[in-house]
């Protein structure tokens, strides 16, 4: 049974870009900023306080299953 909140296409793309950004994260003032804030609210990203977002462990796991389509 699916028990995770649905990610819109734009938020899935933002999650993937966040993964690709590595430890540096993504700035908050990019066009996908609203999605980064949504990912932050869902616990998949975290705000560093320096106007940047980084991936959380939960975000990495979600990227693995939803973007890469690997088993959990």
C-alpha atoms as a PDB file:
ATOM      1  CA  UNK A   1       0.000   0.000   0.000  1.00  0.00           C
ATOM      2  CA  UNK A   2       1.257   3.449  -0.921  1.00  0.00           C
ATOM      3  CA  UNK A   3       1.629   5.538   2.219  1.00  0.00           C
ATOM      4  CA  UNK A   4       3.838   8.439   1.094  1.00  0.00           C
ATOM      5  CA  UNK A   5       2.512  11.851   0.064  1.00  0.00           C
ATOM      6  CA  UNK A   6       2.248  12.399  -3.668  1.00  0.00           C
ATOM      7  CA  UNK A   7       4.982  14.471  -5.303  1.00  0.00           C
ATOM      8  CA  UNK A   8       3.975  16.661  -8.217  1.00  0.00           C
ATOM      9  CA  UNK A   9       6.141  16.389 -11.326  1.00  0.00           C
ATOM     10  CA  UNK A  10       7.797  19.720 -10.573  1.00  0.00           C
ATOM     11  CA  UNK A  11       8.661  18.597  -7.034  1.00  0.00           C
ATOM     12  CA  UNK A  12      10.084  15.293  -8.291  1.00  0.00           C
ATOM     13  CA  UNK A  13      12.299  17.302 -10.630  1.00  0.00           C
ATOM     14  CA  UNK A  14      13.348  19.582  -7.766  1.00  0.00           C
ATOM     15  CA  UNK A  15      14.142  16.514  -5.643  1.00  0.00           C
ATOM     16  CA  UNK A  16      16.356  15.163  -8.423  1.00  0.00           C
ATOM     17  CA  UNK A  17      18.152  18.503  -8.872  1.00  0.00           C
ATOM     18  CA  UNK A  18      18.637  18.649  -5.105  1.00  0.00           C
ATOM     19  CA  UNK A  19      20.232  15.184  -5.184  1.00  0.00           C
ATOM     20  CA  UNK A  20      22.508  16.246  -8.025  1.00  0.00           C
ATOM     21  CA  UNK A  21      23.611  19.345  -6.121  1.00  0.00           C
ATOM     22  CA  UNK A  22      25.353  17.225  -3.487  1.00  0.00           C
ATOM     23  CA  UNK A  23      26.444  18.665  -0.156  1.00  0.00           C
ATOM     24  CA  UNK A  24      26.363  22.247  -1.440  1.00  0.00           C
ATOM     25  CA  UNK A  25      22.588  22.098  -1.824  1.00  0.00           C
ATOM     26  CA  UNK A  26      20.442  24.405  -3.916  1.00  0.00           C
ATOM     27  CA  UNK A  27      19.802  28.094  -3.407  1.00  0.00           C
ATOM     28  CA  UNK A  28      16.322  29.066  -2.298  1.00  0.00           C
ATOM     29  CA  UNK A  29      15.967  31.788  -4.931  1.00  0.00           C
ATOM     30  CA  UNK A  30      15.866  29.473  -7.970  1.00  0.00           C
ATOM     31  CA  UNK A  31      12.685  28.905 -10.017  1.00  0.00           C
ATOM     32  CA  UNK A  32      12.006  25.631  -8.164  1.00  0.00           C
ATOM     33  CA  UNK A  33      12.148  27.421  -4.786  1.00  0.00           C
ATOM     34  CA  UNK A  34       8.453  26.735  -4.024  1.00  0.00           C
ATOM     35  CA  UNK A  35       9.049  23.014  -4.552  1.00  0.00           C
ATOM     36  CA  UNK A  36      12.138  23.118  -2.339  1.00  0.00           C
ATOM     37  CA  UNK A  37      10.018  24.682   0.393  1.00  0.00           C
ATOM     38  CA  UNK A  38       7.389  21.932  -0.062  1.00  0.00           C
ATOM     39  CA  UNK A  39      10.106  19.278   0.121  1.00  0.00           C
ATOM     40  CA  UNK A  40      11.357  20.949   3.297  1.00  0.00           C
ATOM     41  CA  UNK A  41       7.855  20.795   4.824  1.00  0.00           C
ATOM     42  CA  UNK A  42       7.662  17.095   3.928  1.00  0.00           C
ATOM     43  CA  UNK A  43      11.022  16.388   5.574  1.00  0.00           C
ATOM     44  CA  UNK A  44      12.712  15.492   2.276  1.00  0.00           C
ATOM     45  CA  UNK A  45      14.905  18.608   2.289  1.00  0.00           C
ATOM     46  CA  UNK A  46      16.218  20.901   4.984  1.00  0.00           C
ATOM     47  CA  UNK A  47      16.875  24.592   4.969  1.00  0.00           C
ATOM     48  CA  UNK A  48      20.455  25.368   5.949  1.00  0.00           C
ATOM     49  CA  UNK A  49      19.509  28.829   7.153  1.00  0.00           C
ATOM     50  CA  UNK A  50      21.819  30.353   4.546  1.00  0.00           C
ATOM     51  CA  UNK A  51      19.114  30.490   1.869  1.00  0.00           C
ATOM     52  CA  UNK A  52      20.028  26.996   0.671  1.00  0.00           C
ATOM     53  CA  UNK A  53      18.368  23.597   0.819  1.00  0.00           C
ATOM     54  CA  UNK A  54      20.048  20.226   1.209  1.00  0.00           C
ATOM     55  CA  UNK A  55      18.748  16.690   0.919  1.00  0.00           C
ATOM     56  CA  UNK A  56      17.777  14.769   4.064  1.00  0.00           C
ATOM     57  CA  UNK A  57      18.101  11.032   4.573  1.00  0.00           C
ATOM     58  CA  UNK A  58      14.367  10.698   3.905  1.00  0.00           C
ATOM     59  CA  UNK A  59      14.781  12.726   0.720  1.00  0.00           C
ATOM     60  CA  UNK A  60      17.613  10.507  -0.420  1.00  0.00           C
ATOM     61  CA  UNK A  61      15.490   7.412   0.213  1.00  0.00           C
ATOM     62  CA  UNK A  62      12.533   8.935  -1.647  1.00  0.00           C
ATOM     63  CA  UNK A  63      14.803   9.848  -4.577  1.00  0.00           C
ATOM     64  CA  UNK A  64      16.057   6.286  -4.671  1.00  0.00           C
ATOM     65  CA  UNK A  65      12.587   4.745  -4.860  1.00  0.00           C
ATOM     66  CA  UNK A  66      10.657   7.364  -6.836  1.00  0.00           C
ATOM     67  CA  UNK A  67      13.252   8.789  -9.236  1.00  0.00           C
ATOM     68  CA  UNK A  68      15.708   5.930  -9.671  1.00  0.00           C
ATOM     69  CA  UNK A  69      12.977   3.265  -9.251  1.00  0.00           C
ATOM     70  CA  UNK A  70      15.214   1.132  -7.042  1.00  0.00           C
ATOM     71  CA  UNK A  71      13.818  -1.146  -4.343  1.00  0.00           C
ATOM     72  CA  UNK A  72      13.458   0.341  -0.868  1.00  0.00           C
END
